[in-house]
Amino acid sequence: QVQLVESGGDLVQPGGSLKLSCAASAPIVSINTMGWYRQAPGQQRDFVAAITRGGTMNYADSLKGRFTISRANARTVYLQMNSLRPEDTAVYYCHIEGTNVWGQGTQVTVSS
């Protein structure tokens, strides 16, 4: 089974940017859609963005214009996050849509 490892989470000031990476243990070209989700303390895990094998992107309405998902190659998916706000603080997870495959998550904290 393919394993996913996220990285790039950090402490950043409001208005700052971060780029998260999701690396798969095997090529993911055969996987249709990869997604990013996030979970804040005490909250449910929410959809952030997804990208299909063909490159079609989909975003949570509230995040459009600030977050960008991309696929660099067969193993790597990115999430570029700009103009970060304290409410973006959460653990961010990578996910293969339609499966139970999730990464371990990477912590993003937005605070001054």
C-alpha atoms as a PDB file:
ATOM      1  CA  GLN A   1       0.000   0.000   0.000  1.00  0.00           C
ATOM      2  CA  VAL A   2       1.239   3.468  -0.838  1.00  0.00           C
ATOM      3  CA  GLN A   3       2.314   5.546   2.150  1.00  0.00           C
ATOM      4  CA  LEU A   4       2.132   9.338   2.284  1.00  0.00           C
ATOM      5  CA  VAL A   5       4.476  11.636   4.204  1.00  0.00           C
ATOM      6  CA  GLU A   6       3.719  15.306   4.666  1.00  0.00           C
ATOM      7  CA  SER A   7       6.286  17.977   5.443  1.00  0.00           C
ATOM      8  CA  GLY A   8       6.658  21.736   5.515  1.00  0.00           C
ATOM      9  CA  GLY A   9       4.503  22.626   8.497  1.00  0.00           C
ATOM     10  CA  ASP A  10       5.844  25.372  10.708  1.00  0.00           C
ATOM     11  CA  LEU A  11       5.074  28.352  12.913  1.00  0.00           C
ATOM     12  CA  VAL A  12       4.411  31.401  10.742  1.00  0.00           C
ATOM     13  CA  GLN A  13       3.175  34.920  11.400  1.00  0.00           C
ATOM     14  CA  PRO A  14      -0.194  36.087  10.104  1.00  0.00           C
ATOM     15  CA  GLY A  15       0.119  37.139   6.488  1.00  0.00           C
ATOM     16  CA  GLY A  16       2.959  34.742   5.879  1.00  0.00           C
ATOM     17  CA  SER A  17       3.257  31.810   3.493  1.00  0.00           C
ATOM     18  CA  LEU A  18       4.084  28.124   3.687  1.00  0.00           C
ATOM     19  CA  LYS A  19       4.433  25.356   1.153  1.00  0.00           C
ATOM     20  CA  LEU A  20       3.495  21.867   2.261  1.00  0.00           C
ATOM     21  CA  SER A  21       4.710  18.749   0.502  1.00  0.00           C
ATOM     22  CA  CYS A  22       3.221  15.279   0.312  1.00  0.00           C
ATOM     23  CA  ALA A  23       5.564  12.533  -0.827  1.00  0.00           C
ATOM     24  CA  ALA A  24       4.252   9.126  -1.794  1.00  0.00           C
ATOM     25  CA  SER A  25       6.266   5.948  -1.268  1.00  0.00           C
ATOM     26  CA  ALA A  26       5.431   4.851  -4.804  1.00  0.00           C
ATOM     27  CA  PRO A  27       4.462   6.665  -8.006  1.00  0.00           C
ATOM     28  CA  ILE A  28       0.965   8.013  -7.781  1.00  0.00           C
ATOM     29  CA  VAL A  29       0.315   8.427 -11.473  1.00  0.00           C
ATOM     30  CA  SER A  30      -2.327   5.731 -11.338  1.00  0.00           C
ATOM     31  CA  ILE A  31      -4.208   7.504  -8.561  1.00  0.00           C
ATOM     32  CA  ASN A  32      -6.990   9.709  -9.800  1.00  0.00           C
ATOM     33  CA  THR A  33      -7.245  12.364  -7.116  1.00  0.00           C
ATOM     34  CA  MET A  34      -5.008  13.552  -4.286  1.00  0.00           C
ATOM     35  CA  GLY A  35      -6.350  15.819  -1.592  1.00  0.00           C
ATOM     36  CA  TRP A  36      -5.324  17.981   1.335  1.00  0.00           C
ATOM     37  CA  TYR A  37      -7.400  18.178   4.492  1.00  0.00           C
ATOM     38  CA  ARG A  38      -6.917  19.942   7.790  1.00  0.00           C
ATOM     39  CA  GLN A  39      -8.009  19.423  11.353  1.00  0.00           C
ATOM     40  CA  ALA A  40      -7.920  22.070  14.047  1.00  0.00           C
ATOM     41  CA  PRO A  41      -7.979  21.095  17.746  1.00  0.00           C
ATOM     42  CA  GLY A  42     -11.428  19.906  18.749  1.00  0.00           C
ATOM     43  CA  GLN A  43     -12.711  20.201  15.187  1.00  0.00           C
ATOM     44  CA  GLN A  44     -13.582  17.753  12.432  1.00  0.00           C
ATOM     45  CA  ARG A  45     -11.224  17.110   9.556  1.00  0.00           C
ATOM     46  CA  ASP A  46     -12.134  19.459   6.699  1.00  0.00           C
ATOM     47  CA  PHE A  47     -11.461  19.405   2.986  1.00  0.00           C
ATOM     48  CA  VAL A  48      -8.902  21.938   1.772  1.00  0.00           C
ATOM     49  CA  ALA A  49      -8.083  21.132  -1.852  1.00  0.00           C
ATOM     50  CA  ALA A  50      -7.772  18.295  -4.345  1.00  0.00           C
ATOM     51  CA  ILE A  51      -6.139  17.702  -7.704  1.00  0.00           C
ATOM     52  CA  THR A  52      -6.984  15.039 -10.261  1.00  0.00           C
ATOM     53  CA  ARG A  53      -4.559  13.027 -12.352  1.00  0.00           C
ATOM     54  CA  GLY A  54      -5.422  15.327 -15.226  1.00  0.00           C
ATOM     55  CA  GLY A  55      -4.585  18.414 -13.201  1.00  0.00           C
ATOM     56  CA  THR A  56      -8.082  19.632 -12.389  1.00  0.00           C
ATOM     57  CA  MET A  57      -8.054  21.451  -9.069  1.00  0.00           C
ATOM     58  CA  ASN A  58     -10.821  21.900  -6.528  1.00  0.00           C
ATOM     59  CA  TYR A  59     -10.791  24.046  -3.391  1.00  0.00           C
ATOM     60  CA  ALA A  60     -12.834  24.714  -0.322  1.00  0.00           C
ATOM     61  CA  ASP A  61     -14.749  27.886  -1.114  1.00  0.00           C
ATOM     62  CA  SER A  62     -13.325  29.757   1.857  1.00  0.00           C
ATOM     63  CA  LEU A  63      -9.744  29.077   0.745  1.00  0.00           C
ATOM     64  CA  LYS A  64      -9.940  29.962  -2.943  1.00  0.00           C
ATOM     65  CA  GLY A  65      -7.400  32.588  -3.892  1.00  0.00           C
ATOM     66  CA  ARG A  66      -5.099  31.925  -0.952  1.00  0.00           C
ATOM     67  CA  PHE A  67      -4.230  28.220  -1.328  1.00  0.00           C
ATOM     68  CA  THR A  68      -2.920  26.440  -4.429  1.00  0.00           C
ATOM     69  CA  ILE A  69      -2.553  22.699  -4.923  1.00  0.00           C
ATOM     70  CA  SER A  70      -0.169  21.259  -7.491  1.00  0.00           C
ATOM     71  CA  ARG A  71       1.444  17.986  -8.520  1.00  0.00           C
ATOM     72  CA  ALA A  72       5.176  18.232  -9.146  1.00  0.00           C
ATOM     73  CA  ASN A  73       5.712  14.688 -10.400  1.00  0.00           C
ATOM     74  CA  ALA A  74       4.454  11.148  -9.951  1.00  0.00           C
ATOM     75  CA  ARG A  75       5.253  11.115  -6.230  1.00  0.00           C
ATOM     76  CA  THR A  76       4.799  14.664  -4.928  1.00  0.00           C
ATOM     77  CA  VAL A  77       1.850  16.954  -4.307  1.00  0.00           C
ATOM     78  CA  TYR A  78       2.198  20.464  -2.920  1.00  0.00           C
ATOM     79  CA  LEU A  79      -0.036  22.903  -1.107  1.00  0.00           C
ATOM     80  CA  GLN A  80       1.045  26.524  -1.358  1.00  0.00           C
ATOM     81  CA  MET A  81      -0.590  28.621   1.355  1.00  0.00           C
ATOM     82  CA  ASN A  82      -0.463  32.422   1.220  1.00  0.00           C
ATOM     83  CA  SER A  83      -1.848  35.215   3.379  1.00  0.00           C
ATOM     84  CA  LEU A  84      -2.106  32.824   6.290  1.00  0.00           C
ATOM     85  CA  ARG A  85      -4.485  33.605   9.152  1.00  0.00           C
ATOM     86  CA  PRO A  86      -4.642  32.339  12.721  1.00  0.00           C
ATOM     87  CA  GLU A  87      -7.726  30.337  11.769  1.00  0.00           C
ATOM     88  CA  ASP A  88      -5.586  28.352   9.325  1.00  0.00           C
ATOM     89  CA  THR A  89      -3.844  26.771  12.301  1.00  0.00           C
ATOM     90  CA  ALA A  90      -4.348  23.009  12.065  1.00  0.00           C
ATOM     91  CA  VAL A  91      -2.736  19.696  11.289  1.00  0.00           C
ATOM     92  CA  TYR A  92      -2.689  19.297   7.515  1.00  0.00           C
ATOM     93  CA  TYR A  93      -3.124  15.845   6.013  1.00  0.00           C
ATOM     94  CA  CYS A  94      -2.516  14.415   2.563  1.00  0.00           C
ATOM     95  CA  HIS A  95      -5.027  11.845   1.303  1.00  0.00           C
ATOM     96  CA  ILE A  96      -5.664   9.587  -1.653  1.00  0.00           C
ATOM     97  CA  GLU A  97      -9.315  10.187  -2.462  1.00  0.00           C
ATOM     98  CA  GLY A  98     -11.511   7.118  -2.417  1.00  0.00           C
ATOM     99  CA  THR A  99      -9.147   5.158  -0.158  1.00  0.00           C
ATOM    100  CA  ASN A 100      -8.217   5.006   3.510  1.00  0.00           C
ATOM    101  CA  VAL A 101      -4.681   6.165   2.798  1.00  0.00           C
ATOM    102  CA  TRP A 102      -3.685   9.224   4.835  1.00  0.00           C
ATOM    103  CA  GLY A 103      -0.392  10.752   5.805  1.00  0.00           C
ATOM    104  CA  GLN A 104       0.582  11.364   9.417  1.00  0.00           C
ATOM    105  CA  GLY A 105      -0.036  15.095   9.142  1.00  0.00           C
ATOM    106  CA  THR A 106       2.083  18.209   9.484  1.00  0.00           C
ATOM    107  CA  GLN A 107       1.392  20.998  11.968  1.00  0.00           C
ATOM    108  CA  VAL A 108       0.783  24.524  10.709  1.00  0.00           C
ATOM    109  CA  THR A 109       0.564  27.237  13.342  1.00  0.00           C
ATOM    110  CA  VAL A 110      -0.236  30.823  12.420  1.00  0.00           C
ATOM    111  CA  SER A 111       0.496  33.172  15.279  1.00  0.00           C
ATOM    112  CA  SER A 112       2.304  36.389  16.083  1.00  0.00           C
END
